[in-house]
Amino acid sequence: MYTSAGILLRGRPLVYECGPLCGCPMTCPNRVTQQGMKHRLEVFRSKETGWGVRTLDLIQPGAFICEYAGDVLSLDSHSGDAPLPPMEDGSSIIDPTKFPERWREWGDASVVYPDRVPHFPLFAGARYRLDVSQRRNVACYISHSCSPNVFLQYVIRGNEDESYPHMMVFAMETIPPMRDLSIDYGLD
């Protein structure tokens, strides 16, 4: 799933990393997202998008960039009386199910090997939303684009609940220094 250099070889509905119970060290090549950010990012004021994020380093395709973070709002414990607001441009509620499955485009060799199209196990999907109004990280400032250079990949560490995967951002292409990062939020 990852190279020895920590590059994601292929997108999938859910990536499983080693966790605390497996006994491997933090340097294990299957703990890429747990080793933290490796690339310097800068939040900046953009004339086109308001706020944006750009890289100060060269980022290789398939490289881990950062985790999308905020306060978790569980759908399992949410009251049915008041629906969660939908994700909209400028909203503080992030719905991971609205992100298009751009992971399907990463490492897709189905055109070259049509008889070897992988069949991934079913993934029911995330059972939460993120509220980024009070707590957020750099990922919240990544601009929307229908032609993004980064994508969202769900990651589970060890024996974590598959309903609450981590939302990790990976590079779709080579991103040169000072280039804005963009993601497809699934906005109309």
Protein backbone atom coordinates (compact mmCIF):
# COMPACT_ATOMS: atom_id res chain seq x y z
CA MET A 1 0.00 0.00 0.00
CA TYR A 2 2.94 2.38 0.79
CA THR A 3 6.46 2.36 -0.63
CA SER A 4 9.45 2.34 1.70
CA ALA A 5 9.60 6.12 1.11
CA GLY A 6 6.04 6.51 2.44
CA ILE A 7 4.31 7.04 -0.92
CA LEU A 8 0.76 5.73 -1.33
CA LEU A 9 0.78 3.34 -4.28
CA ARG A 10 -2.96 3.12 -4.84
CA GLY A 11 -6.06 4.84 -3.53
CA ARG A 12 -8.74 2.65 -2.00
CA PRO A 13 -11.96 3.13 -0.03
CA LEU A 14 -10.07 2.59 3.22
CA VAL A 15 -6.35 2.26 3.98
CA TYR A 16 -5.41 0.16 6.99
CA GLU A 17 -2.27 1.18 8.87
CA CYS A 18 -0.57 -0.59 11.74
CA GLY A 19 -1.72 0.49 15.18
CA PRO A 20 -0.67 0.37 18.81
CA LEU A 21 -1.61 -3.31 19.23
CA CYS A 22 0.56 -4.68 16.41
CA GLY A 23 3.81 -4.00 18.28
CA CYS A 24 5.75 -2.49 15.37
CA PRO A 25 7.76 0.72 15.90
CA MET A 26 6.52 4.17 14.81
CA THR A 27 9.07 3.95 11.99
CA CYS A 28 7.12 1.04 10.45
CA PRO A 29 6.50 1.74 6.75
CA ASN A 30 2.80 1.05 7.33
CA ARG A 31 2.43 4.01 9.74
CA VAL A 32 2.89 6.83 7.23
CA THR A 33 0.16 9.16 8.48
CA GLN A 34 1.15 8.61 12.11
CA GLN A 35 4.63 10.00 11.51
CA GLY A 36 3.27 13.53 11.02
CA MET A 37 3.57 16.09 8.27
CA LYS A 38 6.78 15.99 6.24
CA HIS A 39 6.14 19.00 4.01
CA ARG A 40 6.12 22.66 4.96
CA LEU A 41 2.77 24.31 4.23
CA GLU A 42 1.75 27.96 4.38
CA VAL A 43 -1.72 29.41 4.91
CA PHE A 44 -1.93 32.61 2.88
CA ARG A 45 -4.41 35.24 1.72
CA SER A 46 -5.43 34.53 -1.88
CA LYS A 47 -7.08 37.03 -4.22
CA GLU A 48 -9.01 34.22 -5.94
CA THR A 49 -10.18 32.06 -3.03
CA GLY A 50 -9.89 34.12 0.16
CA TRP A 51 -7.61 31.87 2.19
CA GLY A 52 -5.47 29.17 0.68
CA VAL A 53 -2.68 26.72 1.42
CA ARG A 54 0.51 26.40 -0.58
CA THR A 55 3.47 24.14 -0.24
CA LEU A 56 6.96 25.44 0.40
CA ASP A 57 8.44 22.09 -0.68
CA LEU A 58 8.25 19.82 -3.69
CA ILE A 59 5.58 17.17 -2.98
CA GLN A 60 5.66 13.85 -4.84
CA PRO A 61 2.50 12.13 -6.15
CA GLY A 62 1.04 9.83 -3.48
CA ALA A 63 2.76 11.68 -0.61
CA PHE A 64 0.90 12.22 2.66
CA ILE A 65 0.28 15.92 3.25
CA CYS A 66 -1.84 16.34 6.40
CA GLU A 67 -4.92 15.18 8.28
CA TYR A 68 -8.25 16.98 7.95
CA ALA A 69 -9.14 17.78 11.59
CA GLY A 70 -11.92 19.34 13.64
CA ASP A 71 -14.46 18.41 16.32
CA VAL A 72 -16.18 15.10 15.51
CA LEU A 73 -19.98 15.15 15.36
CA SER A 74 -21.13 11.54 15.50
CA LEU A 75 -24.17 10.69 13.40
CA ASP A 76 -24.84 7.74 15.71
CA SER A 77 -25.41 9.99 18.73
CA HIS A 78 -26.91 12.97 16.88
CA SER A 79 -30.48 13.84 17.76
CA GLY A 80 -32.89 13.21 14.91
CA ASP A 81 -34.77 16.42 15.74
CA ALA A 82 -32.30 18.82 14.16
CA PRO A 83 -30.45 17.69 11.05
CA LEU A 84 -26.81 18.58 10.69
CA PRO A 85 -26.36 21.47 8.28
CA PRO A 86 -25.08 20.45 4.85
CA MET A 87 -21.54 21.18 3.75
CA GLU A 88 -21.52 24.38 1.72
CA ASP A 89 -18.86 26.78 0.55
CA GLY A 90 -17.74 28.60 3.70
CA SER A 91 -19.55 26.21 6.08
CA SER A 92 -17.95 25.12 9.32
CA ILE A 93 -19.46 21.61 9.01
CA ILE A 94 -17.45 19.24 6.83
CA ASP A 95 -19.25 16.15 5.56
CA PRO A 96 -16.68 13.55 4.47
CA THR A 97 -19.29 11.74 2.36
CA LYS A 98 -19.56 14.78 0.05
CA PHE A 99 -15.94 14.51 -1.10
CA PRO A 100 -15.91 12.77 -4.51
CA GLU A 101 -14.02 9.47 -4.54
CA ARG A 102 -10.87 10.93 -6.10
CA TRP A 103 -8.92 8.06 -4.51
CA ARG A 104 -10.26 5.98 -7.42
CA GLU A 105 -8.14 8.10 -9.79
CA TRP A 106 -4.95 7.60 -7.81
CA GLY A 107 -2.89 4.67 -9.01
CA ASP A 108 -5.65 3.46 -11.34
CA ALA A 109 -4.14 1.06 -13.87
CA SER A 110 -7.49 -0.33 -15.09
CA VAL A 111 -6.95 1.14 -18.58
CA VAL A 112 -3.64 -0.69 -18.90
CA TYR A 113 -4.78 -3.89 -17.16
CA PRO A 114 -8.57 -4.07 -17.67
CA ASP A 115 -8.71 -7.74 -16.61
CA ARG A 116 -7.05 -6.95 -13.26
CA VAL A 117 -9.37 -4.26 -11.90
CA PRO A 118 -9.19 -4.63 -8.11
CA HIS A 119 -12.30 -5.32 -6.13
CA PHE A 120 -12.18 -3.58 -2.80
CA PRO A 121 -14.12 -4.76 0.25
CA LEU A 122 -17.29 -2.84 0.98
CA PHE A 123 -16.88 0.24 3.13
CA ALA A 124 -20.06 1.58 4.74
CA GLY A 125 -18.66 5.10 4.94
CA ALA A 126 -17.91 7.62 7.64
CA ARG A 127 -20.53 8.02 10.39
CA TYR A 128 -19.50 11.52 11.42
CA ARG A 129 -19.14 15.13 10.34
CA LEU A 130 -16.39 17.55 11.34
CA ASP A 131 -17.16 20.90 12.94
CA VAL A 132 -14.24 23.22 12.15
CA SER A 133 -15.74 26.34 13.73
CA GLN A 134 -13.76 26.08 17.00
CA ARG A 135 -10.84 23.75 16.19
CA ARG A 136 -9.23 23.25 12.83
CA ASN A 137 -5.92 22.70 11.17
CA VAL A 138 -4.24 23.76 7.94
CA ALA A 139 -6.38 21.39 5.82
CA CYS A 140 -9.46 23.56 6.37
CA TYR A 141 -7.85 26.30 4.29
CA ILE A 142 -7.23 24.13 1.21
CA SER A 143 -9.19 25.65 -1.68
CA HIS A 144 -11.88 23.86 -3.71
CA SER A 145 -11.22 22.87 -7.31
CA CYS A 146 -12.92 20.55 -9.77
CA SER A 147 -9.37 19.76 -11.00
CA PRO A 148 -7.63 19.20 -7.66
CA ASN A 149 -4.01 18.34 -6.95
CA VAL A 150 -4.76 16.59 -3.62
CA PHE A 151 -7.40 14.07 -2.57
CA LEU A 152 -9.02 12.75 0.60
CA GLN A 153 -8.12 9.21 1.65
CA TYR A 154 -9.77 7.45 4.62
CA VAL A 155 -7.26 5.77 6.96
CA ILE A 156 -7.84 3.41 9.89
CA ARG A 157 -5.06 2.79 12.42
CA GLY A 158 -4.97 -0.62 14.03
CA ASN A 159 -8.28 -1.71 15.52
CA GLU A 160 -10.09 1.63 15.24
CA ASP A 161 -13.80 1.74 14.39
CA GLU A 162 -14.24 1.78 10.59
CA SER A 163 -17.17 4.20 11.02
CA TYR A 164 -14.72 6.89 12.17
CA PRO A 165 -11.79 6.80 9.74
CA HIS A 166 -9.19 9.56 9.72
CA MET A 167 -9.54 11.96 6.79
CA MET A 168 -6.05 12.18 5.28
CA VAL A 169 -4.92 14.43 2.44
CA PHE A 170 -2.56 12.96 -0.19
CA ALA A 171 -1.01 14.45 -3.34
CA MET A 172 -2.52 13.44 -6.69
CA GLU A 173 0.37 14.80 -8.73
CA THR A 174 3.77 16.41 -8.36
CA ILE A 175 3.19 19.73 -6.60
CA PRO A 176 6.04 22.25 -6.98
CA PRO A 177 7.00 24.75 -4.27
CA MET A 178 4.70 27.79 -3.93
CA ARG A 179 1.80 25.99 -5.67
CA ASP A 180 -1.64 26.24 -4.07
CA LEU A 181 -3.17 22.99 -2.81
CA SER A 182 -6.68 22.29 -4.05
CA ILE A 183 -9.20 19.58 -3.21
CA ASP A 184 -12.58 18.62 -4.66
CA TYR A 185 -15.09 19.19 -1.86
CA GLY A 186 -17.96 18.01 -4.05
CA LEU A 187 -19.54 21.46 -4.16
CA ASP A 188 -22.00 22.22 -6.94
